[in-house]
Protein backbone atom coordinates (compact mmCIF):
# COMPACT_ATOMS: atom_id res chain seq x y z
CA UNK A 1 -15.28 -90.02 -132.23
CA UNK A 2 -16.24 -86.97 -130.30
CA UNK A 3 -19.27 -86.19 -127.86
CA UNK A 4 -20.12 -83.22 -125.41
CA UNK A 5 -21.91 -80.10 -124.99
CA UNK A 6 -23.20 -77.25 -127.57
CA UNK A 7 -25.83 -75.07 -128.04
CA UNK A 8 -27.47 -73.91 -131.57
CA UNK A 9 -28.48 -70.74 -132.67
CA UNK A 10 -30.91 -70.46 -136.08
CA UNK A 11 -30.34 -68.53 -138.49
CA UNK A 12 -33.00 -65.55 -138.46
CA UNK A 13 -33.79 -63.34 -142.31
CA UNK A 14 -33.94 -59.83 -142.35
CA UNK A 15 -31.82 -56.64 -141.47
CA UNK A 16 -31.85 -56.96 -137.65
CA UNK A 17 -31.65 -60.90 -137.74
CA UNK A 18 -28.85 -63.11 -136.71
CA UNK A 19 -26.31 -65.38 -138.84
CA UNK A 20 -26.86 -68.93 -136.98
CA UNK A 21 -24.01 -71.02 -135.03
CA UNK A 22 -23.25 -74.16 -133.52
CA UNK A 23 -20.43 -74.07 -131.04
CA UNK A 24 -19.00 -77.38 -128.49
CA UNK A 25 -17.01 -78.36 -127.04
CA UNK A 26 -15.67 -81.93 -126.21
CA UNK A 27 -13.96 -85.02 -124.94
CA UNK A 28 -12.83 -88.14 -127.11
CA UNK A 29 -10.15 -90.49 -129.35
CA UNK A 30 -8.52 -89.74 -132.81
CA UNK A 31 -6.34 -91.89 -133.82
CA UNK A 32 -3.45 -89.78 -134.55
CA UNK A 33 -3.18 -87.48 -131.34
CA UNK A 34 -4.89 -89.22 -128.78
CA UNK A 35 -7.09 -88.59 -126.24
CA UNK A 36 -7.92 -84.90 -126.93
CA UNK A 37 -10.61 -81.99 -125.97
CA UNK A 38 -12.03 -80.24 -129.08
CA UNK A 39 -14.25 -76.89 -130.04
CA UNK A 40 -15.29 -75.21 -132.18
CA UNK A 41 -17.89 -72.86 -134.31
CA UNK A 42 -19.42 -72.98 -136.53
CA UNK A 43 -21.32 -71.05 -138.66
CA UNK A 44 -24.47 -69.57 -141.26
CA UNK A 45 -24.17 -66.69 -143.35
CA UNK A 46 -26.76 -64.46 -144.10
CA UNK A 47 -26.58 -63.05 -147.13
CA UNK A 48 -28.38 -59.92 -149.68
CA UNK A 49 -30.39 -57.37 -149.47
CA UNK A 50 -32.32 -59.41 -147.64
CA UNK A 51 -29.78 -60.96 -145.59
CA UNK A 52 -31.79 -64.59 -146.13
CA UNK A 53 -30.09 -66.82 -144.07
CA UNK A 54 -29.40 -69.11 -147.34
CA UNK A 55 -25.16 -69.63 -146.71
CA UNK A 56 -22.92 -72.96 -146.47
CA UNK A 57 -21.76 -73.64 -142.57
CA UNK A 58 -18.31 -72.70 -141.91
CA UNK A 59 -15.97 -72.17 -139.25
CA UNK A 60 -12.76 -73.49 -137.45
CA UNK A 61 -12.38 -76.32 -134.99
CA UNK A 62 -9.12 -77.51 -132.73
CA UNK A 63 -8.06 -80.98 -130.82
CA UNK A 64 -5.96 -80.82 -128.25
CA UNK A 65 -3.67 -83.74 -126.87
CA UNK A 66 -5.49 -84.20 -123.24
CA UNK A 67 -1.82 -85.68 -122.27
CA UNK A 68 0.52 -83.44 -123.68
CA UNK A 69 -1.60 -80.02 -124.53
CA UNK A 70 1.13 -78.27 -126.80
CA UNK A 71 0.40 -80.73 -129.05
CA UNK A 72 -2.85 -79.03 -131.40
CA UNK A 73 -4.67 -79.19 -134.55
CA UNK A 74 -6.79 -76.51 -136.77
CA UNK A 75 -9.30 -77.20 -138.96
CA UNK A 76 -11.29 -75.23 -141.07
CA UNK A 77 -14.40 -76.63 -142.15
CA UNK A 78 -17.26 -76.07 -144.35
CA UNK A 79 -20.53 -77.82 -144.45
CA UNK A 80 -21.37 -79.13 -148.45
CA UNK A 81 -25.26 -78.16 -148.63
CA UNK A 82 -25.52 -74.92 -149.22
CA UNK A 83 -29.09 -73.91 -147.00
CA UNK A 84 -28.79 -76.58 -144.12
CA UNK A 85 -30.59 -76.01 -141.42
CA UNK A 86 -27.74 -77.80 -138.84
CA UNK A 87 -24.45 -77.75 -139.86
CA UNK A 88 -22.66 -81.85 -141.13
CA UNK A 89 -25.68 -83.68 -140.73
CA UNK A 90 -25.14 -87.65 -142.05
CA UNK A 91 -26.91 -86.75 -145.52
CA UNK A 92 -24.70 -83.42 -145.70
CA UNK A 93 -21.58 -83.62 -144.05
CA UNK A 94 -18.92 -80.64 -144.21
CA UNK A 95 -15.25 -80.84 -145.33
CA UNK A 96 -12.45 -80.05 -143.18
CA UNK A 97 -8.59 -78.92 -144.17
CA UNK A 98 -6.32 -79.08 -141.85
CA UNK A 99 -5.27 -74.73 -140.99
CA UNK A 100 -2.19 -74.87 -138.60
CA UNK A 101 -0.81 -77.16 -135.55
CA UNK A 102 1.12 -77.05 -133.11
CA UNK A 103 3.88 -79.65 -131.27
CA UNK A 104 4.26 -82.48 -132.80
CA UNK A 105 1.18 -81.15 -135.33
CA UNK A 106 3.15 -77.60 -136.35
CA UNK A 107 3.72 -79.73 -139.80
CA UNK A 108 0.30 -81.10 -140.01
CA UNK A 109 -2.00 -80.89 -143.39
CA UNK A 110 -5.05 -83.07 -144.91
CA UNK A 111 -8.51 -83.38 -145.29
CA UNK A 112 -11.78 -85.19 -145.24
CA UNK A 113 -15.40 -85.11 -143.75
CA UNK A 114 -16.90 -84.86 -140.83
CA UNK A 115 -20.61 -85.68 -139.50
CA UNK A 116 -22.18 -84.00 -136.57
CA UNK A 117 -25.47 -85.51 -134.66
CA UNK A 118 -26.86 -84.09 -131.77
CA UNK A 119 -29.66 -83.83 -129.90
CA UNK A 120 -30.76 -81.45 -126.84
CA UNK A 121 -27.69 -80.37 -125.70
CA UNK A 122 -25.61 -83.74 -126.42
CA UNK A 123 -23.34 -84.13 -129.70
CA UNK A 124 -21.30 -86.38 -131.61
CA UNK A 125 -19.14 -85.89 -134.41
CA UNK A 126 -16.76 -88.69 -136.14
CA UNK A 127 -13.50 -87.62 -137.96
CA UNK A 128 -12.25 -89.35 -141.51
CA UNK A 129 -10.03 -88.37 -143.98
CA UNK A 130 -5.89 -88.33 -144.29
CA UNK A 131 -3.67 -86.12 -141.63
CA UNK A 132 0.36 -86.29 -141.66
CA UNK A 133 2.54 -84.88 -139.74
């Protein structure tokens, strides 16, 4: 489980609108990486001629060992719910797949789910799945 601070921007419809974004950074512990930091950005895009906010949340997250900073593991995250207002909620978790790693995790592979909860400017998340390295 990880927790920290985040910034959130709501997707705004229209040609002069903007994509939604959820950027976060925090610390926690992972069963394979132990004490580590987490940082990521998820984006919810707009599509169609009217630039409607109807896309999936997607983006990248990286975990970095706090003890051995050369050991990192990166993930591609994609929401399972088309058009959800905030990413990876308990009822609508995101899926992840390992996209790379460094150091001890250079051959990492795996996939699973990510849940994020937040209030005010604090978030917490939990990961579940299988990772090999």
